[in-house]
Each structure stands twice: as structure tokens, then as C-alpha cells.
Amino acid sequence: MVSFFDNMKAMDANRYATKKTIAQGMLDIALLTANASQLKYILQVGEQHQFYKLMLILISLSIVMQLLVGILFVAIGGLNINRQKDQTAAVILNDIILVVIFVISVLNVIISGFGIEYSSQPLRLLEPHAKTP
């Protein structure tokens, strides 16, 4: 009978790293989609938005950095961490990706803070309902 620890030793670290990279890539795609939607909104509203230029710069910077991370994911995905030579490159790329993702996260927190529309007006119905006696 094979024990749990024997299965752990047999685990392929390269396969795990590849799955982890794919999962991170999927999250990056979700964030890229959200940023594209925010960019569309800002471009539609235009100069009427109080922070138009700031939002345009922040969203564009976030999208460019996400594309950079996507390229780095492709590069790190091609490495075989079972080889010593690739392990060093994988560690360096992983650290770079971590820092860039942190910066993207901070950018998106700032984008969310400036992009939230609020109003001091009380909520009201768009179509008034007829009062029932």
C-alpha cells in the first residue's frame, strides 16, 4: 500500500508550478477584463469625469503592466524547474512577477477609490408610481 508521504515525494514540482502559473494567468485575465470595462466607461464619460486624466493614466498603466505580467507568465511557464539552470531563472521571474502584481493591485485599489461614483442626492425613483387610495 502506498502511503500519503510516498505520493508527496512523487509529486512533480514542475507540474504544480505550471498549474499555479495558469491559475494566476486566469486571475490576470479577469482583472484585465475589469480594467477594459473601466477604460470603456472613462472614455465614454470623457472630460466630464472629475478625475478623467488620472483615471485614464492609471487604467492604461495597469493594463500595460498586466500585459507585461502575461508575457512573464509565458516565459516562466516554459521553464522546467526540475533543471537547476531553470530554477534560478524561475525564482527571479517569480519575484519580478510578484512585485509587478503587487503594484498592479495597488494601482487598482487607487482606481477603485477614484472611480466610484457617489452622489449627495437622495435616492429617487425614475418613474413615479401612481398612489393607490
N, C-alpha and C. Protein backbone atom coordinates (compact mmCIF):
# COMPACT_ATOMS: atom_id res chain seq x y z
N MET A 1 0.85 -1.18 0.00
CA MET A 1 0.00 0.00 0.00
C MET A 1 0.90 1.24 0.00
N VAL A 2 0.55 2.20 -0.84
CA VAL A 2 1.34 3.43 -0.97
C VAL A 2 0.83 4.44 0.04
N SER A 3 1.75 5.01 0.80
CA SER A 3 1.35 5.97 1.82
C SER A 3 1.22 7.36 1.21
N PHE A 4 0.63 8.25 1.99
CA PHE A 4 0.45 9.64 1.58
C PHE A 4 1.79 10.30 1.31
N PHE A 5 2.79 10.00 2.16
CA PHE A 5 4.09 10.63 2.02
C PHE A 5 4.83 10.15 0.78
N ASP A 6 4.61 8.90 0.38
CA ASP A 6 5.20 8.41 -0.86
C ASP A 6 4.62 9.16 -2.06
N ASN A 7 3.32 9.45 -2.00
CA ASN A 7 2.69 10.22 -3.07
C ASN A 7 3.23 11.65 -3.12
N MET A 8 3.51 12.23 -1.94
CA MET A 8 4.05 13.58 -1.90
C MET A 8 5.43 13.63 -2.54
N LYS A 9 6.25 12.61 -2.31
CA LYS A 9 7.58 12.56 -2.91
C LYS A 9 7.48 12.42 -4.42
N ALA A 10 6.46 11.75 -4.88
CA ALA A 10 6.29 11.52 -6.30
C ALA A 10 5.67 12.72 -7.01
N MET A 11 5.23 13.71 -6.26
CA MET A 11 4.61 14.88 -6.86
C MET A 11 5.62 15.61 -7.74
N ASP A 12 5.20 15.97 -8.92
CA ASP A 12 6.05 16.67 -9.85
C ASP A 12 5.95 18.17 -9.59
N ALA A 13 7.03 18.77 -9.12
CA ALA A 13 7.03 20.19 -8.79
C ALA A 13 6.81 21.04 -10.03
N ASN A 14 7.29 20.57 -11.17
CA ASN A 14 7.12 21.33 -12.41
C ASN A 14 5.65 21.40 -12.80
N ARG A 15 4.93 20.30 -12.62
CA ARG A 15 3.50 20.28 -12.94
C ARG A 15 2.73 21.22 -12.01
N TYR A 16 3.08 21.22 -10.73
CA TYR A 16 2.46 22.11 -9.77
C TYR A 16 2.69 23.57 -10.17
N ALA A 17 3.93 23.90 -10.51
CA ALA A 17 4.27 25.28 -10.87
C ALA A 17 3.52 25.71 -12.13
N THR A 18 3.36 24.81 -13.07
CA THR A 18 2.63 25.12 -14.29
C THR A 18 1.17 25.41 -13.99
N LYS A 19 0.56 24.58 -13.15
CA LYS A 19 -0.84 24.81 -12.78
C LYS A 19 -1.00 26.13 -12.03
N LYS A 20 -0.05 26.44 -11.17
CA LYS A 20 -0.09 27.69 -10.41
C LYS A 20 0.01 28.88 -11.37
N THR A 21 0.87 28.80 -12.35
CA THR A 21 1.03 29.87 -13.32
C THR A 21 -0.25 30.05 -14.14
N ILE A 22 -0.89 28.96 -14.52
CA ILE A 22 -2.14 29.04 -15.28
C ILE A 22 -3.23 29.70 -14.43
N ALA A 23 -3.32 29.33 -13.16
CA ALA A 23 -4.32 29.93 -12.27
C ALA A 23 -4.07 31.42 -12.12
N GLN A 24 -2.82 31.83 -11.96
CA GLN A 24 -2.50 33.25 -11.85
C GLN A 24 -2.86 33.98 -13.14
N GLY A 25 -2.62 33.32 -14.25
CA GLY A 25 -2.95 33.91 -15.54
C GLY A 25 -4.44 34.15 -15.70
N MET A 26 -5.25 33.20 -15.21
CA MET A 26 -6.70 33.36 -15.27
C MET A 26 -7.16 34.55 -14.43
N LEU A 27 -6.57 34.73 -13.26
CA LEU A 27 -6.91 35.88 -12.43
C LEU A 27 -6.50 37.18 -13.12
N ASP A 28 -5.36 37.15 -13.80
CA ASP A 28 -4.89 38.31 -14.53
C ASP A 28 -5.87 38.66 -15.66
N ILE A 29 -6.41 37.66 -16.32
CA ILE A 29 -7.39 37.90 -17.39
C ILE A 29 -8.66 38.54 -16.82
N ALA A 30 -9.08 38.09 -15.65
CA ALA A 30 -10.26 38.67 -15.01
C ALA A 30 -10.03 40.14 -14.68
N LEU A 31 -8.85 40.47 -14.15
CA LEU A 31 -8.54 41.85 -13.83
C LEU A 31 -8.40 42.69 -15.10
N LEU A 32 -7.82 42.11 -16.14
CA LEU A 32 -7.69 42.81 -17.42
C LEU A 32 -9.07 43.14 -17.99
N THR A 33 -10.00 42.21 -17.86
CA THR A 33 -11.37 42.44 -18.33
C THR A 33 -12.02 43.59 -17.55
N ALA A 34 -11.82 43.60 -16.24
CA ALA A 34 -12.38 44.68 -15.41
C ALA A 34 -11.77 46.03 -15.80
N ASN A 35 -10.46 46.05 -16.02
CA ASN A 35 -9.81 47.30 -16.42
C ASN A 35 -10.28 47.77 -17.80
N ALA A 36 -10.50 46.84 -18.71
CA ALA A 36 -11.01 47.21 -20.03
C ALA A 36 -12.40 47.84 -19.90
N SER A 37 -13.22 47.29 -19.03
CA SER A 37 -14.55 47.85 -18.79
C SER A 37 -14.45 49.24 -18.17
N GLN A 38 -13.53 49.42 -17.22
CA GLN A 38 -13.34 50.73 -16.60
C GLN A 38 -12.83 51.74 -17.62
N LEU A 39 -11.93 51.29 -18.51
CA LEU A 39 -11.41 52.18 -19.55
C LEU A 39 -12.52 52.61 -20.50
N LYS A 40 -13.39 51.68 -20.86
CA LYS A 40 -14.52 51.99 -21.72
C LYS A 40 -15.42 53.04 -21.06
N TYR A 41 -15.69 52.85 -19.78
CA TYR A 41 -16.54 53.81 -19.05
C TYR A 41 -15.90 55.20 -19.04
N ILE A 42 -14.61 55.26 -18.73
CA ILE A 42 -13.92 56.55 -18.64
C ILE A 42 -13.90 57.24 -20.00
N LEU A 43 -13.68 56.47 -21.06
CA LEU A 43 -13.65 57.06 -22.39
C LEU A 43 -15.04 57.53 -22.82
N GLN A 44 -16.09 56.83 -22.39
CA GLN A 44 -17.45 57.26 -22.72
C GLN A 44 -17.83 58.52 -21.97
N VAL A 45 -17.47 58.60 -20.70
CA VAL A 45 -17.80 59.78 -19.89
C VAL A 45 -16.95 60.97 -20.33
N GLY A 46 -15.70 60.71 -20.63
CA GLY A 46 -14.80 61.75 -21.11
C GLY A 46 -14.41 62.74 -20.04
N GLU A 47 -14.20 63.96 -20.47
CA GLU A 47 -13.71 65.02 -19.58
C GLU A 47 -14.69 65.37 -18.47
N GLN A 48 -15.93 64.89 -18.59
CA GLN A 48 -16.92 65.16 -17.55
C GLN A 48 -16.55 64.49 -16.24
N HIS A 49 -15.80 63.39 -16.32
CA HIS A 49 -15.37 62.70 -15.10
C HIS A 49 -14.37 63.60 -14.38
N GLN A 50 -14.56 63.75 -13.09
CA GLN A 50 -13.74 64.66 -12.30
C GLN A 50 -12.25 64.31 -12.38
N PHE A 51 -11.93 63.03 -12.44
CA PHE A 51 -10.53 62.59 -12.46
C PHE A 51 -10.20 61.90 -13.78
N TYR A 52 -10.68 62.43 -14.89
CA TYR A 52 -10.54 61.79 -16.19
C TYR A 52 -9.09 61.44 -16.53
N LYS A 53 -8.21 62.42 -16.50
CA LYS A 53 -6.82 62.18 -16.90
C LYS A 53 -6.13 61.20 -15.96
N LEU A 54 -6.34 61.36 -14.66
CA LEU A 54 -5.74 60.46 -13.68
C LEU A 54 -6.22 59.04 -13.90
N MET A 55 -7.53 58.88 -14.07
CA MET A 55 -8.08 57.54 -14.29
C MET A 55 -7.58 56.92 -15.58
N LEU A 56 -7.49 57.72 -16.63
CA LEU A 56 -7.01 57.24 -17.92
C LEU A 56 -5.57 56.75 -17.79
N ILE A 57 -4.74 57.50 -17.10
CA ILE A 57 -3.34 57.12 -16.91
C ILE A 57 -3.24 55.86 -16.05
N LEU A 58 -3.95 55.81 -14.92
CA LEU A 58 -3.87 54.67 -14.02
C LEU A 58 -4.37 53.38 -14.66
N ILE A 59 -5.51 53.46 -15.35
CA ILE A 59 -6.06 52.27 -16.00
C ILE A 59 -5.14 51.80 -17.12
N SER A 60 -4.63 52.73 -17.91
CA SER A 60 -3.72 52.36 -19.00
C SER A 60 -2.45 51.73 -18.45
N LEU A 61 -1.91 52.30 -17.38
CA LEU A 61 -0.70 51.74 -16.75
C LEU A 61 -0.97 50.34 -16.22
N SER A 62 -2.13 50.15 -15.62
CA SER A 62 -2.50 48.83 -15.10
C SER A 62 -2.58 47.81 -16.23
N ILE A 63 -3.20 48.19 -17.34
CA ILE A 63 -3.33 47.27 -18.47
C ILE A 63 -1.96 46.93 -19.05
N VAL A 64 -1.09 47.92 -19.20
CA VAL A 64 0.26 47.66 -19.73
C VAL A 64 1.04 46.72 -18.80
N MET A 65 0.93 46.96 -17.50
CA MET A 65 1.63 46.10 -16.54
C MET A 65 1.06 44.68 -16.56
N GLN A 66 -0.25 44.55 -16.76
CA GLN A 66 -0.85 43.22 -16.84
C GLN A 66 -0.37 42.48 -18.08
N LEU A 67 -0.20 43.21 -19.18
CA LEU A 67 0.34 42.58 -20.39
C LEU A 67 1.78 42.13 -20.15
N LEU A 68 2.56 42.93 -19.42
CA LEU A 68 3.93 42.55 -19.06
C LEU A 68 3.92 41.27 -18.21
N VAL A 69 3.02 41.21 -17.24
CA VAL A 69 2.93 40.02 -16.40
C VAL A 69 2.52 38.81 -17.24
N GLY A 70 1.62 39.00 -18.19
CA GLY A 70 1.23 37.91 -19.08
C GLY A 70 2.43 37.37 -19.86
N ILE A 71 3.27 38.26 -20.36
CA ILE A 71 4.48 37.84 -21.08
C ILE A 71 5.42 37.09 -20.14
N LEU A 72 5.56 37.59 -18.92
CA LEU A 72 6.42 36.91 -17.94
C LEU A 72 5.85 35.54 -17.57
N PHE A 73 4.52 35.41 -17.51
CA PHE A 73 3.90 34.11 -17.25
C PHE A 73 4.24 33.11 -18.36
N VAL A 74 4.20 33.59 -19.60
CA VAL A 74 4.55 32.71 -20.72
C VAL A 74 6.01 32.28 -20.59
N ALA A 75 6.88 33.23 -20.23
CA ALA A 75 8.31 32.91 -20.08
C ALA A 75 8.53 31.91 -18.95
N ILE A 76 7.90 32.13 -17.81
CA ILE A 76 8.11 31.24 -16.67
C ILE A 76 7.44 29.89 -16.90
N GLY A 77 6.36 29.89 -17.68
CA GLY A 77 5.68 28.63 -17.98
C GLY A 77 6.52 27.71 -18.85
N GLY A 78 7.44 28.28 -19.62
CA GLY A 78 8.30 27.49 -20.48
C GLY A 78 9.50 26.90 -19.77
N LEU A 79 9.68 27.26 -18.51
CA LEU A 79 10.84 26.75 -17.76
C LEU A 79 10.51 25.40 -17.11
N ASN A 80 11.51 24.57 -17.01
CA ASN A 80 11.39 23.28 -16.32
C ASN A 80 12.15 23.40 -15.01
N ILE A 81 11.41 23.53 -13.89
CA ILE A 81 12.08 23.76 -12.61
C ILE A 81 12.77 22.52 -12.06
N ASN A 82 12.65 21.39 -12.77
CA ASN A 82 13.40 20.21 -12.37
C ASN A 82 14.87 20.33 -12.78
N ARG A 83 15.19 21.27 -13.67
CA ARG A 83 16.58 21.52 -14.06
C ARG A 83 17.14 22.66 -13.23
N GLN A 84 18.34 22.53 -12.75
CA GLN A 84 18.97 23.52 -11.88
C GLN A 84 19.07 24.89 -12.57
N LYS A 85 19.43 24.89 -13.85
CA LYS A 85 19.60 26.14 -14.58
C LYS A 85 18.28 26.92 -14.64
N ASP A 86 17.18 26.22 -14.83
CA ASP A 86 15.88 26.88 -14.92
C ASP A 86 15.34 27.31 -13.56
N GLN A 87 15.80 26.67 -12.50
CA GLN A 87 15.31 27.04 -11.16
C GLN A 87 15.69 28.47 -10.80
N THR A 88 16.92 28.85 -11.10
CA THR A 88 17.36 30.21 -10.78
C THR A 88 16.55 31.24 -11.56
N ALA A 89 16.37 30.99 -12.86
CA ALA A 89 15.58 31.90 -13.69
C ALA A 89 14.14 31.95 -13.21
N ALA A 90 13.59 30.82 -12.81
CA ALA A 90 12.21 30.77 -12.33
C ALA A 90 12.04 31.57 -11.04
N VAL A 91 13.00 31.48 -10.15
CA VAL A 91 12.93 32.23 -8.89
C VAL A 91 12.98 33.73 -9.16
N ILE A 92 13.88 34.15 -10.05
CA ILE A 92 14.00 35.57 -10.39
C ILE A 92 12.72 36.08 -11.06
N LEU A 93 12.23 35.33 -12.05
CA LEU A 93 11.00 35.74 -12.74
C LEU A 93 9.81 35.76 -11.78
N ASN A 94 9.75 34.77 -10.90
CA ASN A 94 8.66 34.71 -9.93
C ASN A 94 8.68 35.94 -9.01
N ASP A 95 9.87 36.36 -8.59
CA ASP A 95 10.00 37.55 -7.74
C ASP A 95 9.58 38.81 -8.49
N ILE A 96 9.99 38.91 -9.76
CA ILE A 96 9.60 40.07 -10.57
C ILE A 96 8.09 40.11 -10.75
N ILE A 97 7.50 38.96 -11.06
CA ILE A 97 6.05 38.87 -11.23
C ILE A 97 5.34 39.28 -9.94
N LEU A 98 5.84 38.82 -8.80
CA LEU A 98 5.23 39.16 -7.51
C LEU A 98 5.21 40.66 -7.28
N VAL A 99 6.33 41.33 -7.56
CA VAL A 99 6.41 42.78 -7.36
C VAL A 99 5.47 43.51 -8.31
N VAL A 100 5.45 43.10 -9.58
CA VAL A 100 4.59 43.76 -10.57
C VAL A 100 3.11 43.56 -10.21
N ILE A 101 2.75 42.36 -9.77
CA ILE A 101 1.36 42.11 -9.38
C ILE A 101 0.99 42.94 -8.15
N PHE A 102 1.91 43.12 -7.24
CA PHE A 102 1.65 43.98 -6.07
C PHE A 102 1.37 45.41 -6.53
N VAL A 103 2.19 45.92 -7.45
CA VAL A 103 2.00 47.28 -7.96
C VAL A 103 0.66 47.38 -8.70
N ILE A 104 0.32 46.36 -9.49
CA ILE A 104 -0.98 46.35 -10.19
C ILE A 104 -2.13 46.38 -9.18
N SER A 105 -1.99 45.63 -8.10
CA SER A 105 -3.04 45.60 -7.06
C SER A 105 -3.22 46.98 -6.43
N VAL A 106 -2.10 47.63 -6.10
CA VAL A 106 -2.17 48.97 -5.51
C VAL A 106 -2.81 49.95 -6.50
N LEU A 107 -2.40 49.86 -7.77
CA LEU A 107 -3.00 50.72 -8.80
C LEU A 107 -4.51 50.53 -8.86
N ASN A 108 -4.96 49.29 -8.81
CA ASN A 108 -6.39 49.01 -8.93
C ASN A 108 -7.16 49.42 -7.69
N VAL A 109 -6.53 49.42 -6.54
CA VAL A 109 -7.19 49.97 -5.34
C VAL A 109 -7.37 51.48 -5.52
N ILE A 110 -6.36 52.15 -6.05
CA ILE A 110 -6.46 53.59 -6.30
C ILE A 110 -7.52 53.87 -7.36
N ILE A 111 -7.53 53.06 -8.43
CA ILE A 111 -8.54 53.21 -9.48
C ILE A 111 -9.94 53.07 -8.90
N SER A 112 -10.13 52.09 -8.04
CA SER A 112 -11.45 51.88 -7.42
C SER A 112 -11.83 53.07 -6.55
N GLY A 113 -10.87 53.63 -5.86
CA GLY A 113 -11.15 54.78 -4.99
C GLY A 113 -11.56 56.01 -5.76
N PHE A 114 -10.91 56.27 -6.90
CA PHE A 114 -11.25 57.44 -7.69
C PHE A 114 -12.39 57.19 -8.66
N GLY A 115 -12.67 55.94 -8.95
CA GLY A 115 -13.68 55.62 -9.95
C GLY A 115 -15.07 55.46 -9.41
N ILE A 116 -15.20 55.35 -8.11
CA ILE A 116 -16.52 55.15 -7.52
C ILE A 116 -17.32 56.44 -7.62
N GLU A 117 -18.46 56.33 -8.25
CA GLU A 117 -19.35 57.48 -8.37
C GLU A 117 -20.23 57.54 -7.14
N TYR A 118 -20.33 58.70 -6.59
CA TYR A 118 -21.23 58.87 -5.46
C TYR A 118 -22.02 60.15 -5.67
N SER A 119 -23.08 60.25 -4.94
CA SER A 119 -23.93 61.43 -5.09
C SER A 119 -24.42 61.85 -3.71
N SER A 120 -24.53 63.13 -3.54
CA SER A 120 -25.08 63.62 -2.28
C SER A 120 -26.60 63.71 -2.35
N GLN A 121 -27.15 63.43 -3.55
CA GLN A 121 -28.60 63.47 -3.73
C GLN A 121 -29.23 62.21 -3.14
N PRO A 122 -30.41 62.35 -2.53
CA PRO A 122 -31.09 61.15 -2.02
C PRO A 122 -31.58 60.28 -3.19
N LEU A 123 -31.75 59.01 -2.91
CA LEU A 123 -32.26 58.09 -3.93
C LEU A 123 -33.69 58.47 -4.30
N ARG A 124 -34.00 58.37 -5.58
CA ARG A 124 -35.37 58.65 -6.03
C ARG A 124 -35.72 57.71 -7.17
N LEU A 125 -37.00 57.48 -7.33
CA LEU A 125 -37.47 56.61 -8.40
C LEU A 125 -37.38 57.33 -9.72
N LEU A 126 -37.08 56.60 -10.79
CA LEU A 126 -37.03 57.20 -12.12
C LEU A 126 -38.43 57.49 -12.63
N GLU A 127 -39.36 56.59 -12.39
CA GLU A 127 -40.75 56.78 -12.81
C GLU A 127 -41.62 56.79 -11.56
N PRO A 128 -42.28 57.89 -11.32
CA PRO A 128 -43.14 57.92 -10.11
C PRO A 128 -44.32 56.98 -10.28
N HIS A 129 -44.60 56.24 -9.22
CA HIS A 129 -45.75 55.34 -9.22
C HIS A 129 -47.00 56.10 -8.80
N ALA A 130 -48.10 55.72 -9.40
CA ALA A 130 -49.39 56.33 -9.01
C ALA A 130 -49.73 55.85 -7.62
N LYS A 131 -50.18 56.78 -6.80
CA LYS A 131 -50.55 56.42 -5.42
C LYS A 131 -51.86 55.66 -5.43
N THR A 132 -51.91 54.62 -4.66
CA THR A 132 -53.15 53.84 -4.56
C THR A 132 -53.92 54.31 -3.34
N PRO A 133 -55.26 54.50 -3.49
CA PRO A 133 -56.05 55.00 -2.35
C PRO A 133 -56.19 54.00 -1.24
